[in-house]
Amino acid sequence: MLEKIKKLRVHIGLKSIILAGVCIVLILIDLLTKIFEERYNWNFIVIPNFIEVEGGSVHRNPGCAFSFLANASWGQGFLIAMTFILLAVLIAVYIFLPERFTLIKVALSMIIAGAIGNLIDRLAYRQVRDFVGVNMFGNMVFCNFADFWITFGTALAILDIMFINEFALFPLTKKAKAAQAKHKENEENKEITGEEILPTEDKDNKSDE
């Protein structure tokens, strides 16, 4: 286990820097829309019977999704602590994940942006400012853009892990299938020669050292 940890290297290239910038933009979008809905008392329908906006500080959630832990006296402190822990893990994964895992890095930037957006609300107001209503199974559930970032990011990560990236559980793309065939060849070569065939990106990094 310690050997694997020692082998970890920081992977922050141009792609990661751009996505970090995107993450900041997503945080600003979330915070600004929350400010505007309060200031201008937004009330309008986006899609009839499906998506509507109801601002003016009407919908506030001291809990998390579907008002979970909203009535618990210890709920807010617990959610803040868990968010800090989650962010630490996500940021570490983002930093150490190789640049070739593009979709996962995109997903992580979205999830981190959503987590930070709602964390700022919890620290500042002890509740989350919701104003976008989405009809779910006949009930209007209110959320915000930070929730959208987390939802979309999580869905993208699951999609990538299940079907797209080189370690996909059920590879559907030619690239994923080719990468898994390469990994299999790598393992067989390692058993025979004791040497590992490094991915192109890792070869480049090693030569730079």
N, C-alpha and C. Protein backbone atom coordinates (compact mmCIF):
# COMPACT_ATOMS: atom_id res chain seq x y z
N MET A 1 0.83 -1.21 0.00
CA MET A 1 0.00 0.00 0.00
C MET A 1 0.87 1.26 0.00
N LEU A 2 1.91 1.26 0.88
CA LEU A 2 2.80 2.41 0.97
C LEU A 2 3.57 2.61 -0.34
N GLU A 3 3.92 1.49 -0.99
CA GLU A 3 4.64 1.58 -2.25
C GLU A 3 3.80 2.26 -3.32
N LYS A 4 2.49 1.93 -3.34
CA LYS A 4 1.59 2.54 -4.32
C LYS A 4 1.45 4.03 -4.06
N ILE A 5 1.39 4.41 -2.77
CA ILE A 5 1.26 5.83 -2.41
C ILE A 5 2.51 6.59 -2.84
N LYS A 6 3.69 5.96 -2.65
CA LYS A 6 4.95 6.60 -3.02
C LYS A 6 5.04 6.84 -4.53
N LYS A 7 4.37 5.99 -5.31
CA LYS A 7 4.43 6.10 -6.77
C LYS A 7 3.51 7.19 -7.32
N LEU A 8 2.64 7.73 -6.47
CA LEU A 8 1.71 8.76 -6.92
C LEU A 8 2.47 10.01 -7.33
N ARG A 9 2.06 10.59 -8.44
CA ARG A 9 2.67 11.82 -8.93
C ARG A 9 1.59 12.84 -9.24
N VAL A 10 1.93 14.09 -9.06
CA VAL A 10 1.01 15.17 -9.38
C VAL A 10 0.87 15.27 -10.90
N HIS A 11 -0.38 15.35 -11.37
CA HIS A 11 -0.64 15.47 -12.80
C HIS A 11 -1.48 16.74 -13.04
N ILE A 12 -0.82 17.87 -13.10
CA ILE A 12 -1.50 19.14 -13.36
C ILE A 12 -0.90 19.75 -14.63
N GLY A 13 -1.58 19.52 -15.74
CA GLY A 13 -1.15 20.08 -17.01
C GLY A 13 -2.12 21.16 -17.45
N LEU A 14 -2.04 21.54 -18.71
CA LEU A 14 -2.89 22.60 -19.25
C LEU A 14 -4.37 22.24 -19.12
N LYS A 15 -4.70 20.96 -19.38
CA LYS A 15 -6.08 20.52 -19.30
C LYS A 15 -6.64 20.71 -17.89
N SER A 16 -5.86 20.33 -16.89
CA SER A 16 -6.30 20.46 -15.50
C SER A 16 -6.45 21.92 -15.09
N ILE A 17 -5.54 22.76 -15.58
CA ILE A 17 -5.60 24.19 -15.26
C ILE A 17 -6.85 24.82 -15.86
N ILE A 18 -7.16 24.45 -17.12
CA ILE A 18 -8.37 24.97 -17.77
C ILE A 18 -9.61 24.53 -17.01
N LEU A 19 -9.65 23.25 -16.62
CA LEU A 19 -10.82 22.74 -15.89
C LEU A 19 -10.94 23.37 -14.51
N ALA A 20 -9.81 23.73 -13.89
CA ALA A 20 -9.85 24.44 -12.61
C ALA A 20 -10.50 25.81 -12.81
N GLY A 21 -10.17 26.44 -13.95
CA GLY A 21 -10.81 27.72 -14.28
C GLY A 21 -12.30 27.56 -14.50
N VAL A 22 -12.69 26.47 -15.18
CA VAL A 22 -14.11 26.18 -15.40
C VAL A 22 -14.81 25.98 -14.06
N CYS A 23 -14.14 25.30 -13.14
CA CYS A 23 -14.69 25.07 -11.80
C CYS A 23 -15.00 26.39 -11.10
N ILE A 24 -14.07 27.34 -11.21
CA ILE A 24 -14.27 28.66 -10.59
C ILE A 24 -15.46 29.38 -11.23
N VAL A 25 -15.57 29.28 -12.56
CA VAL A 25 -16.69 29.91 -13.26
C VAL A 25 -18.02 29.30 -12.80
N LEU A 26 -18.07 27.98 -12.65
CA LEU A 26 -19.30 27.31 -12.20
C LEU A 26 -19.68 27.75 -10.78
N ILE A 27 -18.70 27.92 -9.92
CA ILE A 27 -18.96 28.40 -8.56
C ILE A 27 -19.56 29.80 -8.61
N LEU A 28 -18.99 30.67 -9.45
CA LEU A 28 -19.49 32.04 -9.58
C LEU A 28 -20.91 32.06 -10.13
N ILE A 29 -21.20 31.21 -11.11
CA ILE A 29 -22.56 31.14 -11.67
C ILE A 29 -23.56 30.76 -10.57
N ASP A 30 -23.20 29.76 -9.76
CA ASP A 30 -24.08 29.33 -8.68
C ASP A 30 -24.32 30.46 -7.68
N LEU A 31 -23.25 31.11 -7.23
CA LEU A 31 -23.39 32.16 -6.22
C LEU A 31 -24.12 33.38 -6.75
N LEU A 32 -23.83 33.77 -8.00
CA LEU A 32 -24.47 34.95 -8.58
C LEU A 32 -25.97 34.72 -8.80
N THR A 33 -26.34 33.52 -9.26
CA THR A 33 -27.77 33.26 -9.46
C THR A 33 -28.51 33.26 -8.13
N LYS A 34 -27.87 32.80 -7.07
CA LYS A 34 -28.48 32.83 -5.74
C LYS A 34 -28.68 34.28 -5.28
N ILE A 35 -27.69 35.12 -5.54
CA ILE A 35 -27.80 36.53 -5.16
C ILE A 35 -28.92 37.22 -5.96
N PHE A 36 -28.96 36.96 -7.26
CA PHE A 36 -29.95 37.62 -8.11
C PHE A 36 -31.37 37.16 -7.78
N GLU A 37 -31.55 35.86 -7.47
CA GLU A 37 -32.91 35.40 -7.17
C GLU A 37 -33.43 36.05 -5.89
N GLU A 38 -32.54 36.35 -4.96
CA GLU A 38 -32.95 37.04 -3.74
C GLU A 38 -33.24 38.51 -4.01
N ARG A 39 -32.36 39.13 -4.76
CA ARG A 39 -32.45 40.58 -4.99
C ARG A 39 -33.63 40.94 -5.88
N TYR A 40 -33.85 40.13 -6.93
CA TYR A 40 -34.87 40.48 -7.91
C TYR A 40 -36.14 39.62 -7.82
N ASN A 41 -36.20 38.77 -6.81
CA ASN A 41 -37.41 37.98 -6.56
C ASN A 41 -37.87 37.26 -7.82
N TRP A 42 -36.99 36.48 -8.40
CA TRP A 42 -37.30 35.75 -9.63
C TRP A 42 -38.50 34.84 -9.45
N ASN A 43 -39.44 34.92 -10.38
CA ASN A 43 -40.57 34.01 -10.41
C ASN A 43 -41.03 33.83 -11.86
N PHE A 44 -40.72 32.70 -12.44
CA PHE A 44 -41.14 32.44 -13.82
C PHE A 44 -41.07 30.94 -14.09
N ILE A 45 -41.77 30.55 -15.15
CA ILE A 45 -41.83 29.14 -15.54
C ILE A 45 -40.90 28.91 -16.73
N VAL A 46 -40.03 27.92 -16.62
CA VAL A 46 -39.11 27.59 -17.71
C VAL A 46 -39.77 26.58 -18.64
N ILE A 47 -40.23 25.46 -18.09
CA ILE A 47 -40.98 24.45 -18.83
C ILE A 47 -42.24 24.14 -18.01
N PRO A 48 -43.42 24.40 -18.54
CA PRO A 48 -44.67 24.19 -17.78
C PRO A 48 -44.75 22.79 -17.18
N ASN A 49 -45.09 22.75 -15.92
CA ASN A 49 -45.27 21.49 -15.17
C ASN A 49 -43.99 20.66 -15.05
N PHE A 50 -42.85 21.30 -15.31
CA PHE A 50 -41.60 20.53 -15.17
C PHE A 50 -40.51 21.34 -14.48
N ILE A 51 -40.21 22.54 -15.00
CA ILE A 51 -39.17 23.37 -14.37
C ILE A 51 -39.71 24.79 -14.16
N GLU A 52 -39.60 25.28 -12.94
CA GLU A 52 -40.01 26.64 -12.64
C GLU A 52 -39.03 27.27 -11.66
N VAL A 53 -38.97 28.59 -11.67
CA VAL A 53 -38.07 29.33 -10.78
C VAL A 53 -38.91 30.13 -9.80
N GLU A 54 -38.62 29.96 -8.52
CA GLU A 54 -39.34 30.70 -7.47
C GLU A 54 -38.32 31.25 -6.48
N GLY A 55 -37.97 32.52 -6.67
CA GLY A 55 -36.94 33.15 -5.84
C GLY A 55 -37.51 33.94 -4.69
N GLY A 56 -36.74 34.94 -4.27
CA GLY A 56 -37.19 35.77 -3.17
C GLY A 56 -37.05 35.13 -1.81
N SER A 57 -36.05 34.26 -1.64
CA SER A 57 -35.76 33.62 -0.33
C SER A 57 -36.88 32.74 0.17
N VAL A 58 -37.69 32.20 -0.74
CA VAL A 58 -38.81 31.34 -0.33
C VAL A 58 -38.34 29.95 0.06
N HIS A 59 -37.42 29.39 -0.70
CA HIS A 59 -37.00 28.01 -0.48
C HIS A 59 -35.58 27.97 0.10
N ARG A 60 -35.50 27.54 1.34
CA ARG A 60 -34.22 27.42 2.02
C ARG A 60 -34.14 26.03 2.66
N ASN A 61 -33.00 25.38 2.49
CA ASN A 61 -32.87 24.00 2.95
C ASN A 61 -31.70 23.87 3.92
N PRO A 62 -31.96 23.67 5.21
CA PRO A 62 -30.88 23.49 6.18
C PRO A 62 -30.27 22.09 6.13
N GLY A 63 -30.89 21.20 5.34
CA GLY A 63 -30.37 19.84 5.22
C GLY A 63 -29.66 19.65 3.90
N CYS A 64 -29.68 18.42 3.38
CA CYS A 64 -29.06 18.17 2.07
C CYS A 64 -30.16 17.74 1.11
N ALA A 65 -29.91 16.81 0.21
CA ALA A 65 -30.89 16.43 -0.80
C ALA A 65 -32.20 15.96 -0.17
N PHE A 66 -33.31 16.46 -0.72
CA PHE A 66 -34.65 16.11 -0.26
C PHE A 66 -34.84 16.43 1.22
N SER A 67 -34.15 17.51 1.69
CA SER A 67 -34.25 18.01 3.07
C SER A 67 -33.79 16.99 4.11
N PHE A 68 -32.94 16.05 3.71
CA PHE A 68 -32.41 15.07 4.66
C PHE A 68 -31.58 15.77 5.72
N LEU A 69 -31.79 15.44 6.99
CA LEU A 69 -31.12 16.02 8.16
C LEU A 69 -31.53 17.47 8.42
N ALA A 70 -32.57 17.95 7.75
CA ALA A 70 -32.99 19.34 7.92
C ALA A 70 -33.44 19.65 9.34
N ASN A 71 -34.02 18.67 10.00
CA ASN A 71 -34.56 18.90 11.35
C ASN A 71 -33.63 18.42 12.46
N ALA A 72 -32.46 17.91 12.11
CA ALA A 72 -31.52 17.43 13.12
C ALA A 72 -30.66 18.59 13.61
N SER A 73 -30.53 18.74 14.93
CA SER A 73 -29.76 19.85 15.49
C SER A 73 -28.27 19.76 15.11
N TRP A 74 -27.81 18.54 14.92
CA TRP A 74 -26.41 18.33 14.58
C TRP A 74 -26.18 18.20 13.07
N GLY A 75 -27.27 18.27 12.31
CA GLY A 75 -27.20 18.02 10.87
C GLY A 75 -26.30 18.97 10.11
N GLN A 76 -26.40 20.29 10.41
CA GLN A 76 -25.63 21.28 9.66
C GLN A 76 -24.13 21.11 9.89
N GLY A 77 -23.74 20.91 11.13
CA GLY A 77 -22.33 20.70 11.44
C GLY A 77 -21.80 19.44 10.79
N PHE A 78 -22.60 18.39 10.79
CA PHE A 78 -22.21 17.13 10.17
C PHE A 78 -22.02 17.31 8.67
N LEU A 79 -22.96 18.00 8.02
CA LEU A 79 -22.88 18.20 6.57
C LEU A 79 -21.67 19.06 6.19
N ILE A 80 -21.37 20.07 6.99
CA ILE A 80 -20.21 20.92 6.72
C ILE A 80 -18.92 20.10 6.84
N ALA A 81 -18.82 19.31 7.91
CA ALA A 81 -17.63 18.48 8.11
C ALA A 81 -17.46 17.47 6.99
N MET A 82 -18.56 16.82 6.60
CA MET A 82 -18.49 15.82 5.53
C MET A 82 -18.13 16.45 4.20
N THR A 83 -18.59 17.69 3.97
CA THR A 83 -18.26 18.38 2.71
C THR A 83 -16.77 18.68 2.65
N PHE A 84 -16.19 19.11 3.76
CA PHE A 84 -14.75 19.37 3.79
C PHE A 84 -13.96 18.09 3.50
N ILE A 85 -14.38 16.99 4.11
CA ILE A 85 -13.70 15.71 3.89
C ILE A 85 -13.83 15.28 2.43
N LEU A 86 -15.07 15.38 1.89
CA LEU A 86 -15.32 15.03 0.50
C LEU A 86 -14.47 15.87 -0.45
N LEU A 87 -14.40 17.17 -0.18
CA LEU A 87 -13.60 18.06 -1.04
C LEU A 87 -12.13 17.70 -1.01
N ALA A 88 -11.62 17.35 0.18
CA ALA A 88 -10.22 16.96 0.30
C ALA A 88 -9.93 15.73 -0.56
N VAL A 89 -10.84 14.75 -0.52
CA VAL A 89 -10.68 13.52 -1.30
C VAL A 89 -10.76 13.82 -2.80
N LEU A 90 -11.77 14.59 -3.20
CA LEU A 90 -11.97 14.89 -4.62
C LEU A 90 -10.82 15.69 -5.20
N ILE A 91 -10.33 16.66 -4.45
CA ILE A 91 -9.21 17.49 -4.93
C ILE A 91 -7.94 16.64 -5.06
N ALA A 92 -7.73 15.73 -4.08
CA ALA A 92 -6.56 14.84 -4.15
C ALA A 92 -6.64 13.95 -5.39
N VAL A 93 -7.82 13.39 -5.65
CA VAL A 93 -8.00 12.55 -6.84
C VAL A 93 -7.75 13.38 -8.10
N TYR A 94 -8.26 14.59 -8.12
CA TYR A 94 -8.09 15.48 -9.28
C TYR A 94 -6.61 15.75 -9.54
N ILE A 95 -5.85 15.98 -8.48
CA ILE A 95 -4.43 16.32 -8.61
C ILE A 95 -3.60 15.13 -9.08
N PHE A 96 -3.89 13.95 -8.54
CA PHE A 96 -3.07 12.78 -8.85
C PHE A 96 -3.55 11.98 -10.06
N LEU A 97 -4.74 12.29 -10.57
CA LEU A 97 -5.27 11.56 -11.71
C LEU A 97 -4.57 12.01 -12.99
N PRO A 98 -4.04 11.07 -13.79
CA PRO A 98 -3.36 11.45 -15.03
C PRO A 98 -4.25 12.25 -15.98
N GLU A 99 -3.63 13.09 -16.76
CA GLU A 99 -4.35 14.00 -17.66
C GLU A 99 -5.20 13.26 -18.69
N ARG A 100 -4.84 12.02 -19.01
CA ARG A 100 -5.59 11.31 -20.06
C ARG A 100 -7.01 10.95 -19.62
N PHE A 101 -7.31 11.01 -18.34
CA PHE A 101 -8.67 10.72 -17.86
C PHE A 101 -9.51 12.01 -17.92
N THR A 102 -9.76 12.44 -19.13
CA THR A 102 -10.40 13.75 -19.34
C THR A 102 -11.80 13.83 -18.73
N LEU A 103 -12.66 12.86 -19.04
CA LEU A 103 -14.05 12.92 -18.57
C LEU A 103 -14.14 12.90 -17.05
N ILE A 104 -13.30 12.08 -16.41
CA ILE A 104 -13.31 12.04 -14.95
C ILE A 104 -12.90 13.39 -14.37
N LYS A 105 -11.90 14.01 -14.98
CA LYS A 105 -11.47 15.33 -14.50
C LYS A 105 -12.55 16.39 -14.71
N VAL A 106 -13.26 16.30 -15.82
CA VAL A 106 -14.39 17.21 -16.05
C VAL A 106 -15.46 16.99 -14.98
N ALA A 107 -15.78 15.72 -14.73
CA ALA A 107 -16.78 15.38 -13.71
C ALA A 107 -16.35 15.88 -12.34
N LEU A 108 -15.09 15.67 -11.98
CA LEU A 108 -14.59 16.11 -10.68
C LEU A 108 -14.66 17.63 -10.54
N SER A 109 -14.33 18.36 -11.60
CA SER A 109 -14.39 19.82 -11.54
C SER A 109 -15.82 20.30 -11.30
N MET A 110 -16.80 19.61 -11.88
CA MET A 110 -18.20 19.97 -11.69
C MET A 110 -18.66 19.65 -10.26
N ILE A 111 -18.30 18.46 -9.77
CA ILE A 111 -18.70 18.06 -8.42
C ILE A 111 -18.06 18.98 -7.38
N ILE A 112 -16.79 19.29 -7.56
CA ILE A 112 -16.09 20.19 -6.63
C ILE A 112 -16.73 21.56 -6.62
N ALA A 113 -17.09 22.07 -7.81
CA ALA A 113 -17.74 23.38 -7.91
C ALA A 113 -19.07 23.38 -7.16
N GLY A 114 -19.87 22.33 -7.35
CA GLY A 114 -21.15 22.24 -6.66
C GLY A 114 -20.99 22.13 -5.16
N ALA A 115 -20.03 21.33 -4.72
CA ALA A 115 -19.80 21.16 -3.28
C ALA A 115 -19.36 22.46 -2.63
N ILE A 116 -18.47 23.20 -3.31
CA ILE A 116 -18.00 24.48 -2.76
C ILE A 116 -19.13 25.51 -2.73
N GLY A 117 -19.94 25.54 -3.80
CA GLY A 117 -21.06 26.49 -3.85
C GLY A 117 -22.01 26.31 -2.68
N ASN A 118 -22.39 25.07 -2.41
CA ASN A 118 -23.31 24.82 -1.29
C ASN A 118 -22.62 24.95 0.06
N LEU A 119 -21.31 24.64 0.12
CA LEU A 119 -20.58 24.80 1.37
C LEU A 119 -20.53 26.27 1.78
N ILE A 120 -20.33 27.16 0.83
CA ILE A 120 -20.33 28.60 1.12
C ILE A 120 -21.66 29.01 1.73
N ASP A 121 -22.76 28.50 1.19
CA ASP A 121 -24.09 28.78 1.74
C ASP A 121 -24.21 28.29 3.18
N ARG A 122 -23.75 27.07 3.42
CA ARG A 122 -23.87 26.49 4.78
C ARG A 122 -23.05 27.29 5.79
N LEU A 123 -21.86 27.70 5.39
CA LEU A 123 -21.01 28.47 6.31
C LEU A 123 -21.57 29.87 6.55
N ALA A 124 -22.13 30.49 5.50
CA ALA A 124 -22.61 31.87 5.61
C ALA A 124 -24.01 31.97 6.19
N TYR A 125 -24.89 31.02 5.83
CA TYR A 125 -26.30 31.14 6.20
C TYR A 125 -26.85 29.97 7.02
N ARG A 126 -26.01 28.93 7.20
CA ARG A 126 -26.46 27.72 7.89
C ARG A 126 -27.60 27.03 7.16
N GLN A 127 -27.72 27.29 5.88
CA GLN A 127 -28.73 26.66 5.03
C GLN A 127 -28.34 26.88 3.57
N VAL A 128 -28.99 26.15 2.67
CA VAL A 128 -28.69 26.27 1.25
C VAL A 128 -29.82 27.00 0.56
N ARG A 129 -29.46 27.94 -0.32
CA ARG A 129 -30.46 28.74 -1.02
C ARG A 129 -30.91 28.01 -2.29
N ASP A 130 -32.14 27.53 -2.29
CA ASP A 130 -32.72 26.85 -3.45
C ASP A 130 -33.76 27.74 -4.10
N PHE A 131 -33.90 27.61 -5.42
CA PHE A 131 -34.90 28.42 -6.11
C PHE A 131 -35.38 27.81 -7.43
N VAL A 132 -34.74 26.75 -7.90
CA VAL A 132 -35.14 26.11 -9.15
C VAL A 132 -35.96 24.87 -8.82
N GLY A 133 -37.23 24.87 -9.23
CA GLY A 133 -38.10 23.73 -8.97
C GLY A 133 -38.12 22.76 -10.13
N VAL A 134 -37.92 21.49 -9.84
CA VAL A 134 -37.95 20.43 -10.86
C VAL A 134 -39.00 19.40 -10.46
N ASN A 135 -39.90 19.09 -11.37
CA ASN A 135 -40.97 18.13 -11.09
C ASN A 135 -40.38 16.72 -11.10
N MET A 136 -40.40 16.07 -9.94
CA MET A 136 -39.90 14.70 -9.84
C MET A 136 -41.01 13.81 -9.32
N PHE A 137 -41.50 12.95 -10.21
CA PHE A 137 -42.56 12.00 -9.87
C PHE A 137 -43.79 12.70 -9.30
N GLY A 138 -44.12 13.85 -9.89
CA GLY A 138 -45.34 14.55 -9.48
C GLY A 138 -45.15 15.57 -8.38
N ASN A 139 -43.96 15.64 -7.79
CA ASN A 139 -43.67 16.61 -6.73
C ASN A 139 -42.61 17.60 -7.19
N MET A 140 -42.81 18.88 -6.87
CA MET A 140 -41.85 19.90 -7.24
C MET A 140 -40.74 19.94 -6.19
N VAL A 141 -39.53 19.61 -6.60
CA VAL A 141 -38.37 19.60 -5.71
C VAL A 141 -37.49 20.79 -6.06
N PHE A 142 -37.12 21.60 -5.05
CA PHE A 142 -36.34 22.81 -5.31
C PHE A 142 -34.85 22.59 -5.03
N CYS A 143 -34.04 23.14 -5.93
CA CYS A 143 -32.59 22.98 -5.82
C CYS A 143 -31.93 24.25 -6.36
N ASN A 144 -30.64 24.17 -6.63
CA ASN A 144 -29.91 25.32 -7.17
C ASN A 144 -28.88 24.83 -8.19
N PHE A 145 -28.10 25.75 -8.75
CA PHE A 145 -27.15 25.35 -9.79
C PHE A 145 -26.04 24.47 -9.23
N ALA A 146 -25.65 24.66 -7.98
CA ALA A 146 -24.64 23.80 -7.37
C ALA A 146 -25.11 22.35 -7.37
N ASP A 147 -26.40 22.15 -7.09
CA ASP A 147 -26.96 20.79 -7.13
C ASP A 147 -26.89 20.21 -8.54
N PHE A 148 -27.13 21.07 -9.55
CA PHE A 148 -27.04 20.60 -10.93
C PHE A 148 -25.61 20.17 -11.26
N TRP A 149 -24.63 20.98 -10.83
CA TRP A 149 -23.23 20.62 -11.12
C TRP A 149 -22.89 19.27 -10.50
N ILE A 150 -23.33 19.05 -9.25
CA ILE A 150 -23.04 17.79 -8.57
C ILE A 150 -23.72 16.62 -9.27
N THR A 151 -24.98 16.81 -9.66
CA THR A 151 -25.74 15.75 -10.31
C THR A 151 -25.15 15.39 -11.67
N PHE A 152 -24.90 16.42 -12.49
CA PHE A 152 -24.34 16.17 -13.83
C PHE A 152 -22.93 15.58 -13.73
N GLY A 153 -22.13 16.10 -12.79
CA GLY A 153 -20.77 15.59 -12.62
C GLY A 153 -20.75 14.14 -12.18
N THR A 154 -21.64 13.79 -11.25
CA THR A 154 -21.72 12.41 -10.78
C THR A 154 -22.17 11.48 -11.90
N ALA A 155 -23.17 11.91 -12.67
CA ALA A 155 -23.66 11.10 -13.79
C ALA A 155 -22.56 10.88 -14.83
N LEU A 156 -21.78 11.94 -15.11
CA LEU A 156 -20.69 11.83 -16.09
C LEU A 156 -19.61 10.88 -15.58
N ALA A 157 -19.29 10.97 -14.29
CA ALA A 157 -18.27 10.09 -13.71
C ALA A 157 -18.71 8.63 -13.78
N ILE A 158 -19.96 8.37 -13.45
CA ILE A 158 -20.48 7.00 -13.50
C ILE A 158 -20.44 6.47 -14.94
N LEU A 159 -20.85 7.31 -15.88
CA LEU A 159 -20.85 6.93 -17.30
C LEU A 159 -19.43 6.58 -17.76
N ASP A 160 -18.47 7.40 -17.37
CA ASP A 160 -17.09 7.18 -17.77
C ASP A 160 -16.52 5.90 -17.14
N ILE A 161 -16.77 5.72 -15.84
CA ILE A 161 -16.24 4.55 -15.14
C ILE A 161 -16.90 3.26 -15.64
N MET A 162 -18.15 3.33 -15.98
CA MET A 162 -18.87 2.13 -16.41
C MET A 162 -18.56 1.75 -17.86
N PHE A 163 -18.45 2.75 -18.76
CA PHE A 163 -18.42 2.43 -20.18
C PHE A 163 -17.29 3.02 -21.02
N ILE A 164 -16.63 4.09 -20.56
CA ILE A 164 -15.80 4.85 -21.48
C ILE A 164 -14.30 4.78 -21.22
N ASN A 165 -13.84 4.97 -19.98
CA ASN A 165 -12.40 5.07 -19.78
C ASN A 165 -11.68 3.72 -19.87
N GLU A 166 -10.38 3.74 -19.79
CA GLU A 166 -9.58 2.54 -20.04
C GLU A 166 -9.74 1.46 -18.98
N PHE A 167 -10.34 1.81 -17.84
CA PHE A 167 -10.61 0.81 -16.81
C PHE A 167 -12.11 0.54 -16.67
N ALA A 168 -12.89 0.89 -17.69
CA ALA A 168 -14.35 0.75 -17.65
C ALA A 168 -14.77 -0.68 -17.34
N LEU A 169 -15.82 -0.79 -16.53
CA LEU A 169 -16.32 -2.12 -16.18
C LEU A 169 -16.93 -2.82 -17.39
N PHE A 170 -17.61 -2.04 -18.24
CA PHE A 170 -18.21 -2.58 -19.46
C PHE A 170 -17.81 -1.69 -20.63
N PRO A 171 -16.58 -1.81 -21.13
CA PRO A 171 -16.08 -0.90 -22.17
C PRO A 171 -16.90 -0.99 -23.45
N LEU A 172 -17.35 0.17 -23.91
CA LEU A 172 -18.17 0.22 -25.12
C LEU A 172 -17.47 0.93 -26.27
N THR A 173 -16.47 1.75 -25.96
CA THR A 173 -15.79 2.49 -27.01
C THR A 173 -14.55 1.73 -27.50
N LYS A 174 -14.15 2.00 -28.74
CA LYS A 174 -12.95 1.36 -29.30
C LYS A 174 -11.72 1.72 -28.48
N LYS A 175 -11.66 2.97 -28.02
CA LYS A 175 -10.52 3.43 -27.24
C LYS A 175 -10.41 2.66 -25.93
N ALA A 176 -11.56 2.46 -25.25
CA ALA A 176 -11.56 1.73 -23.98
C ALA A 176 -11.17 0.28 -24.18
N LYS A 177 -11.70 -0.33 -25.24
CA LYS A 177 -11.38 -1.74 -25.52
C LYS A 177 -9.90 -1.90 -25.86
N ALA A 178 -9.35 -0.96 -26.65
CA ALA A 178 -7.94 -1.03 -27.01
C ALA A 178 -7.05 -0.84 -25.78
N ALA A 179 -7.46 0.08 -24.90
CA ALA A 179 -6.68 0.34 -23.69
C ALA A 179 -6.67 -0.88 -22.77
N GLN A 180 -7.82 -1.54 -22.65
CA GLN A 180 -7.89 -2.72 -21.79
C GLN A 180 -7.08 -3.87 -22.38
N ALA A 181 -7.07 -3.99 -23.70
CA ALA A 181 -6.24 -5.01 -24.36
C ALA A 181 -4.76 -4.72 -24.09
N LYS A 182 -4.40 -3.43 -24.09
CA LYS A 182 -3.03 -3.02 -23.81
C LYS A 182 -2.65 -3.34 -22.37
N HIS A 183 -3.59 -3.11 -21.45
CA HIS A 183 -3.35 -3.41 -20.04
C HIS A 183 -3.14 -4.91 -19.85
N LYS A 184 -3.93 -5.70 -20.55
CA LYS A 184 -3.81 -7.15 -20.45
C LYS A 184 -2.44 -7.60 -20.96
N GLU A 185 -2.03 -7.01 -22.10
CA GLU A 185 -0.71 -7.32 -22.66
C GLU A 185 0.39 -6.91 -21.69
N ASN A 186 0.17 -5.78 -21.04
CA ASN A 186 1.13 -5.27 -20.06
C ASN A 186 1.30 -6.24 -18.90
N GLU A 187 0.17 -6.75 -18.39
CA GLU A 187 0.22 -7.69 -17.27
C GLU A 187 0.92 -8.99 -17.68
N GLU A 188 0.63 -9.46 -18.88
CA GLU A 188 1.27 -10.69 -19.36
C GLU A 188 2.78 -10.48 -19.53
N ASN A 189 3.16 -9.32 -20.05
CA ASN A 189 4.58 -9.00 -20.23
C ASN A 189 5.29 -8.90 -18.89
N LYS A 190 4.58 -8.34 -17.91
CA LYS A 190 5.17 -8.17 -16.58
C LYS A 190 5.42 -9.52 -15.92
N GLU A 191 4.49 -10.46 -16.14
CA GLU A 191 4.66 -11.81 -15.57
C GLU A 191 5.84 -12.53 -16.20
N ILE A 192 6.08 -12.29 -17.50
CA ILE A 192 7.14 -12.99 -18.21
C ILE A 192 8.50 -12.34 -17.99
N THR A 193 8.57 -11.02 -18.16
CA THR A 193 9.85 -10.31 -18.11
C THR A 193 10.10 -9.55 -16.82
N GLY A 194 9.02 -9.30 -16.07
CA GLY A 194 9.16 -8.51 -14.85
C GLY A 194 9.21 -7.03 -15.11
N GLU A 195 9.04 -6.63 -16.38
CA GLU A 195 9.04 -5.22 -16.74
C GLU A 195 7.66 -4.77 -17.16
N GLU A 196 7.32 -3.56 -16.81
CA GLU A 196 5.99 -3.03 -17.12
C GLU A 196 6.07 -2.07 -18.29
N ILE A 197 5.12 -2.21 -19.21
CA ILE A 197 5.03 -1.29 -20.35
C ILE A 197 4.28 -0.05 -19.89
N LEU A 198 4.97 1.06 -19.85
CA LEU A 198 4.34 2.29 -19.35
C LEU A 198 3.46 2.93 -20.41
N PRO A 199 2.33 3.55 -20.00
CA PRO A 199 1.53 4.33 -20.95
C PRO A 199 2.38 5.47 -21.50
N THR A 200 2.01 5.97 -22.67
CA THR A 200 2.78 7.02 -23.34
C THR A 200 3.01 8.22 -22.43
N GLU A 201 1.97 8.62 -21.71
CA GLU A 201 2.07 9.78 -20.85
C GLU A 201 3.09 9.56 -19.74
N ASP A 202 3.08 8.36 -19.16
CA ASP A 202 4.02 8.04 -18.08
C ASP A 202 5.44 7.94 -18.61
N LYS A 203 5.61 7.44 -19.85
CA LYS A 203 6.94 7.38 -20.45
C LYS A 203 7.52 8.76 -20.59
N ASP A 204 6.69 9.71 -21.05
CA ASP A 204 7.13 11.09 -21.24
C ASP A 204 7.56 11.70 -19.92
N ASN A 205 6.74 11.46 -18.87
CA ASN A 205 7.05 12.00 -17.55
C ASN A 205 8.35 11.43 -17.01
N LYS A 206 8.55 10.10 -17.25
CA LYS A 206 9.74 9.45 -16.73
C LYS A 206 10.99 9.96 -17.43
N SER A 207 10.88 10.21 -18.75
CA SER A 207 12.04 10.70 -19.49
C SER A 207 12.41 12.11 -19.05
N ASP A 208 11.41 12.88 -18.63
CA ASP A 208 11.67 14.24 -18.16
C ASP A 208 12.45 14.24 -16.85
N GLU A 209 12.25 13.15 -16.07
CA GLU A 209 12.93 13.07 -14.79
C GLU A 209 14.42 12.80 -15.02
